Amino acid sequence: MNKCIIILDGVSAGKTKFTEIAKSQSDGHPQGRWLWSINSKNVLSVSSRSMGWGGLKDDKYYEYLNKLASLVDEYWDFKKNYYLQMIAKFKIHEKAEILVIHDVGDTKDFLKELESEEQIYFINITNKENVSSDLYDKTLNFSSETFNSDVLLVLKALLGD
């Protein structure tokens, strides 16, 4: 089975739609694809519940989460280590086909360096036409009528099916 790792940036609604399309039933995939979607800040959110956070995602929460993320990165390189750990788990998982990594931020350069070792693909979702950047392997226009088929074409190319 072919696998791919996708770094997904851009418009939130477009990223959500991208993952929905990737998991949906399509030709050759009547059960859909097995996709893992990860974000290092989700790990911090879960652990924050045991530290007193009540679950409300307000300005105070986001300020706290950004400070905590900065702190654990400074002391333990948390984000890099988390992504490396999840990539290793993904590679040996028997069913997972796609690993989508969100919120890479300042680890983008680190992940770019891994491109030669891993099959990592950088995708930007925009809501504007004719936008491209050397930072991304592919830019998809969420407002385009062909967005769904564009996503499926990218996945077909990446997974070789």
N, C-alpha and C. Protein backbone atom coordinates (compact mmCIF):
# COMPACT_ATOMS: atom_id res chain seq x y z
N MET A 1 0.85 -1.18 0.00
CA MET A 1 0.00 0.00 0.00
C MET A 1 0.89 1.24 0.00
N ASN A 2 0.55 2.18 -0.86
CA ASN A 2 1.26 3.45 -0.89
C ASN A 2 0.73 4.35 0.21
N LYS A 3 1.62 5.16 0.75
CA LYS A 3 1.27 6.10 1.81
C LYS A 3 1.81 7.47 1.43
N CYS A 4 1.20 8.51 1.98
CA CYS A 4 1.75 9.85 1.77
C CYS A 4 1.52 10.70 3.01
N ILE A 5 2.43 11.64 3.19
CA ILE A 5 2.35 12.60 4.28
C ILE A 5 2.10 13.96 3.65
N ILE A 6 1.05 14.64 4.13
CA ILE A 6 0.68 15.93 3.57
C ILE A 6 0.74 16.98 4.67
N ILE A 7 1.48 18.05 4.40
CA ILE A 7 1.47 19.24 5.25
C ILE A 7 0.42 20.14 4.65
N LEU A 8 -0.62 20.43 5.43
CA LEU A 8 -1.77 21.17 4.89
C LEU A 8 -1.87 22.54 5.55
N ASP A 9 -1.79 23.57 4.73
CA ASP A 9 -1.89 24.96 5.18
C ASP A 9 -3.04 25.64 4.46
N GLY A 10 -3.44 26.79 5.00
CA GLY A 10 -4.39 27.63 4.28
C GLY A 10 -5.72 27.82 4.95
N VAL A 11 -6.74 28.05 4.14
CA VAL A 11 -8.09 28.37 4.57
C VAL A 11 -8.67 27.19 5.37
N SER A 12 -9.13 27.46 6.59
CA SER A 12 -9.62 26.40 7.48
C SER A 12 -10.73 25.56 6.86
N ALA A 13 -11.73 26.22 6.28
CA ALA A 13 -12.84 25.47 5.68
C ALA A 13 -12.34 24.59 4.54
N GLY A 14 -11.36 25.06 3.80
CA GLY A 14 -10.79 24.29 2.70
C GLY A 14 -10.01 23.09 3.20
N LYS A 15 -9.29 23.25 4.31
CA LYS A 15 -8.55 22.13 4.89
C LYS A 15 -9.51 21.07 5.40
N THR A 16 -10.60 21.51 6.02
CA THR A 16 -11.62 20.57 6.49
C THR A 16 -12.22 19.81 5.32
N LYS A 17 -12.56 20.52 4.27
CA LYS A 17 -13.14 19.89 3.08
C LYS A 17 -12.15 18.93 2.43
N PHE A 18 -10.88 19.30 2.39
CA PHE A 18 -9.85 18.44 1.83
C PHE A 18 -9.84 17.09 2.54
N THR A 19 -9.84 17.11 3.88
CA THR A 19 -9.80 15.85 4.63
C THR A 19 -11.09 15.05 4.45
N GLU A 20 -12.23 15.74 4.37
CA GLU A 20 -13.49 15.04 4.12
C GLU A 20 -13.48 14.33 2.77
N ILE A 21 -12.98 15.00 1.76
CA ILE A 21 -12.90 14.41 0.43
C ILE A 21 -11.94 13.21 0.45
N ALA A 22 -10.81 13.39 1.11
CA ALA A 22 -9.81 12.31 1.17
C ALA A 22 -10.37 11.06 1.85
N LYS A 23 -11.23 11.25 2.85
CA LYS A 23 -11.80 10.12 3.59
C LYS A 23 -13.06 9.55 2.93
N SER A 24 -13.60 10.26 1.96
CA SER A 24 -14.87 9.84 1.37
C SER A 24 -14.70 8.67 0.40
N GLN A 25 -15.81 8.04 0.10
CA GLN A 25 -15.81 6.96 -0.88
C GLN A 25 -15.49 7.55 -2.25
N SER A 26 -14.69 6.84 -3.00
CA SER A 26 -14.38 7.26 -4.36
C SER A 26 -14.05 6.03 -5.18
N ASP A 27 -13.83 6.22 -6.47
CA ASP A 27 -13.50 5.09 -7.35
C ASP A 27 -12.31 4.33 -6.77
N GLY A 28 -12.48 3.04 -6.62
CA GLY A 28 -11.40 2.21 -6.10
C GLY A 28 -11.28 2.24 -4.59
N HIS A 29 -12.11 3.07 -3.93
CA HIS A 29 -12.06 3.19 -2.47
C HIS A 29 -13.49 3.23 -1.91
N PRO A 30 -14.19 2.11 -2.01
CA PRO A 30 -15.60 2.10 -1.56
C PRO A 30 -15.77 2.36 -0.06
N GLN A 31 -14.75 2.10 0.73
CA GLN A 31 -14.81 2.39 2.17
C GLN A 31 -14.17 3.73 2.50
N GLY A 32 -13.65 4.41 1.52
CA GLY A 32 -12.90 5.64 1.76
C GLY A 32 -11.46 5.32 2.09
N ARG A 33 -10.66 6.33 2.26
CA ARG A 33 -9.25 6.16 2.62
C ARG A 33 -9.09 6.32 4.12
N TRP A 34 -8.10 5.65 4.67
CA TRP A 34 -7.78 5.77 6.09
C TRP A 34 -6.83 6.95 6.24
N LEU A 35 -7.27 7.98 6.92
CA LEU A 35 -6.51 9.22 7.05
C LEU A 35 -6.32 9.57 8.52
N TRP A 36 -5.10 9.92 8.87
CA TRP A 36 -4.81 10.47 10.19
C TRP A 36 -4.59 11.97 10.02
N SER A 37 -5.21 12.75 10.86
CA SER A 37 -5.05 14.20 10.83
C SER A 37 -4.51 14.61 12.19
N ILE A 38 -3.32 15.21 12.21
CA ILE A 38 -2.69 15.54 13.49
C ILE A 38 -2.32 17.02 13.58
N ASN A 39 -2.28 17.49 14.83
CA ASN A 39 -1.88 18.85 15.15
C ASN A 39 -1.28 18.79 16.55
N SER A 40 -0.06 19.24 16.69
CA SER A 40 0.62 19.15 17.99
C SER A 40 -0.14 19.88 19.09
N LYS A 41 -0.86 20.91 18.75
CA LYS A 41 -1.59 21.66 19.78
C LYS A 41 -2.77 20.86 20.33
N ASN A 42 -3.26 19.89 19.57
CA ASN A 42 -4.33 19.04 20.11
C ASN A 42 -3.84 18.24 21.31
N VAL A 43 -2.60 17.79 21.26
CA VAL A 43 -2.02 17.05 22.39
C VAL A 43 -1.96 17.96 23.61
N LEU A 44 -1.58 19.20 23.40
CA LEU A 44 -1.49 20.15 24.51
C LEU A 44 -2.88 20.47 25.06
N SER A 45 -3.88 20.55 24.20
CA SER A 45 -5.26 20.79 24.66
C SER A 45 -5.74 19.67 25.55
N VAL A 46 -5.51 18.44 25.12
CA VAL A 46 -5.96 17.28 25.89
C VAL A 46 -5.30 17.28 27.27
N SER A 47 -4.00 17.52 27.30
CA SER A 47 -3.31 17.52 28.60
C SER A 47 -3.73 18.70 29.46
N SER A 48 -4.21 19.77 28.85
CA SER A 48 -4.61 20.96 29.60
C SER A 48 -5.87 20.74 30.42
N ARG A 49 -6.68 19.80 30.03
CA ARG A 49 -7.88 19.49 30.81
C ARG A 49 -7.52 19.07 32.23
N SER A 50 -6.45 18.29 32.36
CA SER A 50 -6.04 17.85 33.70
C SER A 50 -5.36 18.96 34.50
N MET A 51 -5.09 20.08 33.82
CA MET A 51 -4.45 21.22 34.50
C MET A 51 -5.45 22.32 34.84
N GLY A 52 -6.74 22.05 34.59
CA GLY A 52 -7.75 23.02 34.98
C GLY A 52 -8.52 23.68 33.87
N TRP A 53 -8.11 23.48 32.62
CA TRP A 53 -8.85 24.09 31.52
C TRP A 53 -10.21 23.42 31.41
N GLY A 54 -11.27 24.21 31.32
CA GLY A 54 -12.63 23.69 31.31
C GLY A 54 -13.20 23.37 29.95
N GLY A 55 -12.47 23.63 28.89
CA GLY A 55 -12.94 23.27 27.56
C GLY A 55 -13.38 24.44 26.70
N LEU A 56 -13.48 25.64 27.26
CA LEU A 56 -13.92 26.81 26.51
C LEU A 56 -12.75 27.36 25.68
N LYS A 57 -12.93 27.42 24.36
CA LYS A 57 -11.88 27.92 23.48
C LYS A 57 -12.09 29.40 23.22
N ASP A 58 -11.66 30.21 24.18
CA ASP A 58 -11.78 31.65 24.08
C ASP A 58 -10.39 32.26 23.89
N ASP A 59 -10.31 33.59 23.92
CA ASP A 59 -9.03 34.27 23.73
C ASP A 59 -7.99 33.85 24.78
N LYS A 60 -8.44 33.68 26.01
CA LYS A 60 -7.54 33.27 27.10
C LYS A 60 -6.94 31.88 26.80
N TYR A 61 -7.77 30.98 26.32
CA TYR A 61 -7.33 29.63 25.98
C TYR A 61 -6.26 29.68 24.89
N TYR A 62 -6.51 30.43 23.80
CA TYR A 62 -5.55 30.49 22.70
C TYR A 62 -4.25 31.16 23.12
N GLU A 63 -4.33 32.16 23.97
CA GLU A 63 -3.12 32.79 24.50
C GLU A 63 -2.31 31.77 25.31
N TYR A 64 -3.00 31.05 26.20
CA TYR A 64 -2.35 30.00 27.00
C TYR A 64 -1.74 28.92 26.12
N LEU A 65 -2.50 28.45 25.14
CA LEU A 65 -2.04 27.36 24.28
C LEU A 65 -0.79 27.77 23.51
N ASN A 66 -0.76 28.98 22.99
CA ASN A 66 0.42 29.47 22.26
C ASN A 66 1.63 29.58 23.18
N LYS A 67 1.42 30.07 24.40
CA LYS A 67 2.52 30.15 25.37
C LYS A 67 3.04 28.77 25.74
N LEU A 68 2.12 27.83 25.98
CA LEU A 68 2.50 26.48 26.35
C LEU A 68 3.27 25.82 25.20
N ALA A 69 2.77 25.97 23.98
CA ALA A 69 3.44 25.39 22.81
C ALA A 69 4.86 25.94 22.68
N SER A 70 5.01 27.23 22.86
CA SER A 70 6.32 27.86 22.79
C SER A 70 7.25 27.31 23.87
N LEU A 71 6.72 27.15 25.06
CA LEU A 71 7.52 26.67 26.19
C LEU A 71 7.99 25.23 25.99
N VAL A 72 7.09 24.34 25.60
CA VAL A 72 7.49 22.94 25.42
C VAL A 72 8.41 22.77 24.21
N ASP A 73 8.25 23.63 23.21
CA ASP A 73 9.19 23.59 22.08
C ASP A 73 10.57 24.07 22.52
N GLU A 74 10.61 25.12 23.32
CA GLU A 74 11.89 25.66 23.79
C GLU A 74 12.66 24.63 24.63
N TYR A 75 11.96 23.94 25.51
CA TYR A 75 12.62 23.01 26.42
C TYR A 75 12.81 21.61 25.85
N TRP A 76 11.86 21.13 25.06
CA TRP A 76 11.91 19.73 24.64
C TRP A 76 11.72 19.51 23.14
N ASP A 77 11.74 20.56 22.34
CA ASP A 77 11.53 20.39 20.90
C ASP A 77 10.28 19.57 20.63
N PHE A 78 9.23 19.88 21.38
CA PHE A 78 8.02 19.08 21.37
C PHE A 78 7.44 18.85 19.97
N LYS A 79 7.26 19.93 19.22
CA LYS A 79 6.59 19.82 17.93
C LYS A 79 7.36 18.89 16.98
N LYS A 80 8.67 19.10 16.87
CA LYS A 80 9.48 18.24 16.00
C LYS A 80 9.40 16.78 16.45
N ASN A 81 9.57 16.56 17.74
CA ASN A 81 9.55 15.19 18.27
C ASN A 81 8.18 14.54 18.08
N TYR A 82 7.13 15.30 18.30
CA TYR A 82 5.77 14.78 18.11
C TYR A 82 5.55 14.37 16.66
N TYR A 83 5.93 15.24 15.72
CA TYR A 83 5.73 14.92 14.31
C TYR A 83 6.57 13.72 13.89
N LEU A 84 7.82 13.63 14.36
CA LEU A 84 8.65 12.47 14.03
C LEU A 84 8.05 11.18 14.59
N GLN A 85 7.53 11.25 15.82
CA GLN A 85 6.91 10.09 16.44
C GLN A 85 5.67 9.65 15.65
N MET A 86 4.85 10.60 15.26
CA MET A 86 3.63 10.27 14.52
C MET A 86 3.95 9.76 13.11
N ILE A 87 4.98 10.29 12.48
CA ILE A 87 5.40 9.79 11.16
C ILE A 87 5.86 8.34 11.28
N ALA A 88 6.63 8.04 12.32
CA ALA A 88 7.09 6.67 12.53
C ALA A 88 5.91 5.72 12.76
N LYS A 89 4.94 6.13 13.57
CA LYS A 89 3.75 5.30 13.80
C LYS A 89 2.95 5.11 12.52
N PHE A 90 2.82 6.18 11.76
CA PHE A 90 2.08 6.13 10.51
C PHE A 90 2.71 5.14 9.53
N LYS A 91 4.03 5.16 9.43
CA LYS A 91 4.73 4.30 8.48
C LYS A 91 4.50 2.82 8.75
N ILE A 92 4.35 2.44 10.01
CA ILE A 92 4.17 1.02 10.32
C ILE A 92 2.71 0.61 10.48
N HIS A 93 1.80 1.58 10.46
CA HIS A 93 0.38 1.26 10.59
C HIS A 93 -0.08 0.56 9.31
N GLU A 94 -0.78 -0.54 9.47
CA GLU A 94 -1.16 -1.36 8.32
C GLU A 94 -2.23 -0.75 7.43
N LYS A 95 -3.11 0.08 8.00
CA LYS A 95 -4.24 0.58 7.21
C LYS A 95 -4.15 2.06 6.84
N ALA A 96 -3.44 2.85 7.63
CA ALA A 96 -3.40 4.29 7.37
C ALA A 96 -2.68 4.58 6.06
N GLU A 97 -3.33 5.38 5.22
CA GLU A 97 -2.78 5.72 3.91
C GLU A 97 -2.25 7.15 3.84
N ILE A 98 -2.93 8.05 4.58
CA ILE A 98 -2.61 9.48 4.48
C ILE A 98 -2.41 10.03 5.88
N LEU A 99 -1.31 10.74 6.08
CA LEU A 99 -1.07 11.47 7.31
C LEU A 99 -1.11 12.95 6.96
N VAL A 100 -2.07 13.68 7.54
CA VAL A 100 -2.18 15.12 7.31
C VAL A 100 -1.69 15.83 8.57
N ILE A 101 -0.71 16.69 8.39
CA ILE A 101 -0.13 17.44 9.51
C ILE A 101 -0.55 18.90 9.39
N HIS A 102 -1.14 19.41 10.47
CA HIS A 102 -1.60 20.80 10.52
C HIS A 102 -0.70 21.61 11.45
N ASP A 103 -0.73 22.92 11.27
CA ASP A 103 -0.06 23.87 12.16
C ASP A 103 1.43 23.56 12.33
N VAL A 104 2.14 23.43 11.22
CA VAL A 104 3.57 23.12 11.32
C VAL A 104 4.39 24.34 11.71
N GLY A 105 3.91 25.53 11.35
CA GLY A 105 4.59 26.76 11.76
C GLY A 105 6.08 26.74 11.50
N ASP A 106 6.86 26.97 12.56
CA ASP A 106 8.31 27.07 12.40
C ASP A 106 9.00 25.72 12.19
N THR A 107 8.25 24.64 12.18
CA THR A 107 8.86 23.33 11.87
C THR A 107 8.80 23.03 10.37
N LYS A 108 8.28 23.97 9.59
CA LYS A 108 8.16 23.76 8.14
C LYS A 108 9.52 23.46 7.52
N ASP A 109 10.56 24.21 7.90
CA ASP A 109 11.89 23.99 7.34
C ASP A 109 12.42 22.61 7.72
N PHE A 110 12.19 22.22 8.96
CA PHE A 110 12.60 20.90 9.44
C PHE A 110 11.92 19.81 8.62
N LEU A 111 10.62 19.96 8.38
CA LEU A 111 9.88 18.97 7.60
C LEU A 111 10.30 18.98 6.13
N LYS A 112 10.66 20.16 5.62
CA LYS A 112 11.17 20.25 4.25
C LYS A 112 12.45 19.43 4.10
N GLU A 113 13.29 19.47 5.15
CA GLU A 113 14.53 18.68 5.13
C GLU A 113 14.24 17.18 5.11
N LEU A 114 13.14 16.77 5.70
CA LEU A 114 12.76 15.35 5.72
C LEU A 114 12.23 14.86 4.38
N GLU A 115 11.92 15.79 3.49
CA GLU A 115 11.31 15.42 2.20
C GLU A 115 12.14 14.40 1.43
N SER A 116 13.45 14.44 1.57
CA SER A 116 14.28 13.49 0.84
C SER A 116 14.17 12.08 1.42
N GLU A 117 13.85 11.98 2.71
CA GLU A 117 13.73 10.67 3.37
C GLU A 117 12.29 10.16 3.35
N GLU A 118 11.34 11.04 3.46
CA GLU A 118 9.93 10.69 3.56
C GLU A 118 9.19 11.24 2.35
N GLN A 119 8.06 10.67 2.07
CA GLN A 119 7.21 11.19 1.00
C GLN A 119 6.31 12.26 1.62
N ILE A 120 6.82 13.48 1.70
CA ILE A 120 6.08 14.60 2.30
C ILE A 120 5.70 15.57 1.19
N TYR A 121 4.44 15.98 1.21
CA TYR A 121 3.91 16.85 0.17
C TYR A 121 3.28 18.06 0.83
N PHE A 122 3.68 19.26 0.43
CA PHE A 122 3.19 20.50 1.01
C PHE A 122 2.08 21.07 0.14
N ILE A 123 0.88 21.21 0.74
CA ILE A 123 -0.29 21.69 0.01
C ILE A 123 -0.86 22.93 0.70
N ASN A 124 -1.15 23.94 -0.09
CA ASN A 124 -1.78 25.16 0.41
C ASN A 124 -3.19 25.25 -0.17
N ILE A 125 -4.16 25.51 0.70
CA ILE A 125 -5.54 25.70 0.26
C ILE A 125 -5.84 27.20 0.34
N THR A 126 -6.24 27.76 -0.78
CA THR A 126 -6.55 29.19 -0.84
C THR A 126 -7.97 29.37 -1.37
N ASN A 127 -8.49 30.58 -1.25
CA ASN A 127 -9.79 30.86 -1.85
C ASN A 127 -9.64 31.90 -2.95
N LYS A 128 -8.43 31.99 -3.49
CA LYS A 128 -8.14 32.93 -4.57
C LYS A 128 -7.61 32.17 -5.78
N GLU A 129 -7.80 32.74 -6.94
CA GLU A 129 -7.32 32.11 -8.17
C GLU A 129 -5.87 32.49 -8.43
N ASN A 130 -5.19 31.61 -9.14
CA ASN A 130 -3.83 31.85 -9.61
C ASN A 130 -2.86 32.24 -8.50
N VAL A 131 -2.93 31.55 -7.38
CA VAL A 131 -2.00 31.78 -6.28
C VAL A 131 -1.05 30.60 -6.24
N SER A 132 0.23 30.89 -6.19
CA SER A 132 1.20 29.81 -6.04
C SER A 132 2.39 30.34 -5.25
N SER A 133 3.15 29.41 -4.71
CA SER A 133 4.30 29.78 -3.90
C SER A 133 5.32 28.66 -3.98
N ASP A 134 6.57 29.01 -3.93
CA ASP A 134 7.64 28.01 -3.93
C ASP A 134 7.66 27.20 -2.64
N LEU A 135 6.94 27.66 -1.62
CA LEU A 135 6.88 26.95 -0.35
C LEU A 135 6.03 25.68 -0.42
N TYR A 136 5.19 25.60 -1.45
CA TYR A 136 4.24 24.50 -1.56
C TYR A 136 4.44 23.71 -2.85
N ASP A 137 4.18 22.41 -2.76
CA ASP A 137 4.22 21.57 -3.95
C ASP A 137 2.98 21.78 -4.80
N LYS A 138 1.88 22.11 -4.14
CA LYS A 138 0.61 22.30 -4.84
C LYS A 138 -0.24 23.32 -4.09
N THR A 139 -0.91 24.18 -4.83
CA THR A 139 -1.88 25.10 -4.26
C THR A 139 -3.23 24.78 -4.89
N LEU A 140 -4.24 24.58 -4.05
CA LEU A 140 -5.59 24.28 -4.52
C LEU A 140 -6.52 25.42 -4.16
N ASN A 141 -7.40 25.76 -5.08
CA ASN A 141 -8.34 26.85 -4.88
C ASN A 141 -9.65 26.29 -4.34
N PHE A 142 -9.94 26.57 -3.07
CA PHE A 142 -11.14 26.07 -2.40
C PHE A 142 -12.41 26.61 -3.04
N SER A 143 -12.36 27.80 -3.62
CA SER A 143 -13.56 28.39 -4.22
C SER A 143 -13.79 27.92 -5.66
N SER A 144 -12.88 27.11 -6.17
CA SER A 144 -13.02 26.59 -7.53
C SER A 144 -14.09 25.51 -7.59
N GLU A 145 -14.81 25.46 -8.72
CA GLU A 145 -15.82 24.43 -8.94
C GLU A 145 -15.18 23.04 -9.04
N THR A 146 -13.90 23.00 -9.32
CA THR A 146 -13.21 21.72 -9.50
C THR A 146 -12.43 21.28 -8.26
N PHE A 147 -12.67 21.94 -7.12
CA PHE A 147 -11.90 21.63 -5.91
C PHE A 147 -11.96 20.15 -5.56
N ASN A 148 -13.16 19.56 -5.53
CA ASN A 148 -13.29 18.15 -5.17
C ASN A 148 -12.48 17.25 -6.09
N SER A 149 -12.62 17.45 -7.38
CA SER A 149 -11.89 16.61 -8.32
C SER A 149 -10.38 16.91 -8.28
N ASP A 150 -10.01 18.16 -7.99
CA ASP A 150 -8.59 18.51 -7.85
C ASP A 150 -7.96 17.75 -6.68
N VAL A 151 -8.69 17.68 -5.57
CA VAL A 151 -8.19 16.94 -4.40
C VAL A 151 -8.02 15.47 -4.75
N LEU A 152 -9.00 14.89 -5.39
CA LEU A 152 -8.92 13.47 -5.76
C LEU A 152 -7.77 13.21 -6.73
N LEU A 153 -7.52 14.13 -7.65
CA LEU A 153 -6.39 13.97 -8.58
C LEU A 153 -5.05 14.02 -7.85
N VAL A 154 -4.93 14.93 -6.89
CA VAL A 154 -3.69 15.02 -6.11
C VAL A 154 -3.47 13.72 -5.34
N LEU A 155 -4.53 13.23 -4.70
CA LEU A 155 -4.41 11.99 -3.92
C LEU A 155 -4.07 10.81 -4.83
N LYS A 156 -4.68 10.76 -5.99
CA LYS A 156 -4.39 9.69 -6.94
C LYS A 156 -2.92 9.72 -7.34
N ALA A 157 -2.40 10.91 -7.60
CA ALA A 157 -0.99 11.04 -7.98
C ALA A 157 -0.07 10.66 -6.83
N LEU A 158 -0.40 11.10 -5.62
CA LEU A 158 0.45 10.83 -4.46
C LEU A 158 0.44 9.36 -4.05
N LEU A 159 -0.72 8.73 -4.18
CA LEU A 159 -0.85 7.35 -3.72
C LEU A 159 -0.72 6.33 -4.86
N GLY A 160 -0.58 6.82 -6.06
CA GLY A 160 -0.32 5.94 -7.19
C GLY A 160 -1.45 4.98 -7.53
N ASP A 161 -2.69 5.45 -7.38
CA ASP A 161 -3.79 4.55 -7.74
C ASP A 161 -4.73 5.18 -8.74
